[in-house]
Protein backbone atom coordinates (compact mmCIF):
# COMPACT_ATOMS: atom_id res chain seq x y z
CA UNK A 1 -19.54 77.40 63.17
CA UNK A 2 -18.13 73.94 61.89
CA UNK A 3 -19.69 70.69 62.40
CA UNK A 4 -18.72 68.36 65.46
CA UNK A 5 -16.45 65.22 64.77
CA UNK A 6 -19.53 62.97 65.45
CA UNK A 7 -21.41 64.55 62.57
CA UNK A 8 -21.25 63.79 58.79
CA UNK A 9 -18.59 65.29 56.61
CA UNK A 10 -19.96 68.46 54.99
CA UNK A 11 -20.86 68.06 51.05
CA UNK A 12 -18.07 69.30 48.67
CA UNK A 13 -20.63 72.09 47.36
CA UNK A 14 -21.09 73.19 51.08
CA UNK A 15 -17.48 72.98 51.81
CA UNK A 16 -16.79 75.29 48.57
CA UNK A 17 -19.33 77.64 50.01
CA UNK A 18 -17.52 77.68 53.33
CA UNK A 19 -14.13 78.52 51.73
CA UNK A 20 -15.79 81.29 49.44
CA UNK A 21 -17.13 82.73 52.44
CA UNK A 22 -13.81 82.57 53.98
CA UNK A 23 -12.20 84.33 50.96
CA UNK A 24 -14.79 86.77 50.76
CA UNK A 25 -14.31 87.77 54.68
CA UNK A 26 -10.64 87.88 54.00
CA UNK A 27 -11.09 90.19 51.07
CA UNK A 28 -13.19 92.62 53.18
CA UNK A 29 -10.19 92.61 55.65
CA UNK A 30 -7.70 93.27 52.93
CA UNK A 31 -9.87 96.23 51.66
CA UNK A 32 -10.36 97.70 54.88
CA UNK A 33 -6.70 97.61 55.88
CA UNK A 34 -5.53 99.13 52.58
CA UNK A 35 -8.34 102.00 53.19
CA UNK A 36 -7.09 102.20 56.49
CA UNK A 37 -3.30 102.32 55.76
CA UNK A 38 -3.95 104.46 52.64
CA UNK A 39 -6.06 107.14 54.37
CA UNK A 40 -3.50 107.22 57.35
CA UNK A 41 -0.26 107.37 55.19
CA UNK A 42 -1.97 109.91 53.16
CA UNK A 43 -2.98 112.18 56.12
CA UNK A 44 -0.26 111.68 58.71
CA UNK A 45 2.84 110.99 56.09
CA UNK A 46 2.09 113.62 53.75
CA UNK A 47 1.94 111.18 50.83
CA UNK A 48 -0.09 111.18 47.65
CA UNK A 49 -2.52 108.89 47.49
CA UNK A 50 -0.98 106.27 45.38
CA UNK A 51 2.24 106.19 47.37
CA UNK A 52 0.09 105.76 50.51
CA UNK A 53 -1.54 103.00 48.95
CA UNK A 54 1.50 101.38 47.83
CA UNK A 55 3.10 101.80 51.58
CA UNK A 56 -0.17 100.40 52.95
CA UNK A 57 0.31 97.44 50.74
CA UNK A 58 3.78 96.81 51.34
CA UNK A 59 3.49 96.77 55.20
CA UNK A 60 0.25 94.84 55.03
CA UNK A 61 2.34 92.03 53.01
CA UNK A 62 5.14 92.55 55.18
CA UNK A 63 7.36 93.63 52.72
CA UNK A 64 8.12 96.72 54.55
CA UNK A 65 7.85 100.48 53.76
CA UNK A 66 8.53 102.21 50.61
CA UNK A 67 8.71 105.77 52.12
CA UNK A 68 10.28 106.76 55.06
CA UNK A 69 8.06 109.01 57.60
CA UNK A 70 9.63 112.14 58.34
CA UNK A 71 6.93 113.79 60.72
CA UNK A 72 6.36 112.46 63.98
CA UNK A 73 2.12 111.86 63.40
CA UNK A 74 3.43 109.61 60.30
CA UNK A 75 5.86 107.65 62.47
CA UNK A 76 3.39 107.06 64.89
CA UNK A 77 0.95 105.97 62.48
CA UNK A 78 3.50 103.83 60.85
CA UNK A 79 4.21 102.03 64.07
CA UNK A 80 0.38 101.20 65.10
CA UNK A 81 -0.24 100.19 61.26
CA UNK A 82 2.73 97.93 61.19
CA UNK A 83 1.33 96.34 64.60
CA UNK A 84 -2.07 96.22 63.18
CA UNK A 85 -1.00 94.47 59.89
CA UNK A 86 0.97 92.01 61.56
CA UNK A 87 -2.45 91.05 63.51
CA UNK A 88 -4.52 91.37 60.22
CA UNK A 89 -2.00 89.24 58.20
CA UNK A 90 -2.57 86.13 60.82
CA UNK A 91 -5.98 86.82 60.79
CA UNK A 92 -6.41 86.43 57.03
CA UNK A 93 -4.37 83.37 57.01
CA UNK A 94 -6.66 81.75 59.70
CA UNK A 95 -9.61 82.75 58.05
CA UNK A 96 -8.45 81.49 54.83
CA UNK A 97 -7.08 78.02 55.79
CA UNK A 98 -9.33 76.96 58.75
CA UNK A 99 -12.27 75.30 56.89
CA UNK A 100 -9.58 73.02 54.69
CA UNK A 101 -7.83 72.40 58.40
CA UNK A 102 -11.14 71.70 59.80
CA UNK A 103 -12.11 69.32 56.84
CA UNK A 104 -8.80 67.66 56.80
CA UNK A 105 -9.29 66.86 60.43
CA UNK A 106 -12.82 65.82 60.44
CA UNK A 107 -12.18 63.43 57.77
CA UNK A 108 -9.08 62.02 59.88
CA UNK A 109 -11.43 61.53 62.93
CA UNK A 110 -14.15 59.58 60.51
CA UNK A 111 -11.73 57.32 59.29
CA UNK A 112 -10.05 56.57 62.63
CA UNK A 113 -13.82 55.92 64.26
CA UNK A 114 -14.08 53.32 61.12
CA UNK A 115 -10.97 51.43 62.33
CA UNK A 116 -11.89 51.13 66.07
């Protein structure tokens, strides 16, 4: 996926394309997660579509729920969606930052090789 440390540094245009692909993948994860949460909160929590999407967005960003779940099925869904959201959030951060960290470390290794 990424170039080896012995290979040349990726061009700026190719690097920006890699960052854009990461952003696109992150956007897909966000859309999927919001759809999943919205549908789940709507049907299991008996919330309106807007309230369900609001709850999903707030959980996904780590802010916490807006509407308390009163039904058992709503509470069970909220538990699993909160766990899923934690993993999804960490995955999104990793996908977004991996190209930047890789480029930084790759440049560091190339410069360290010049000093030897």
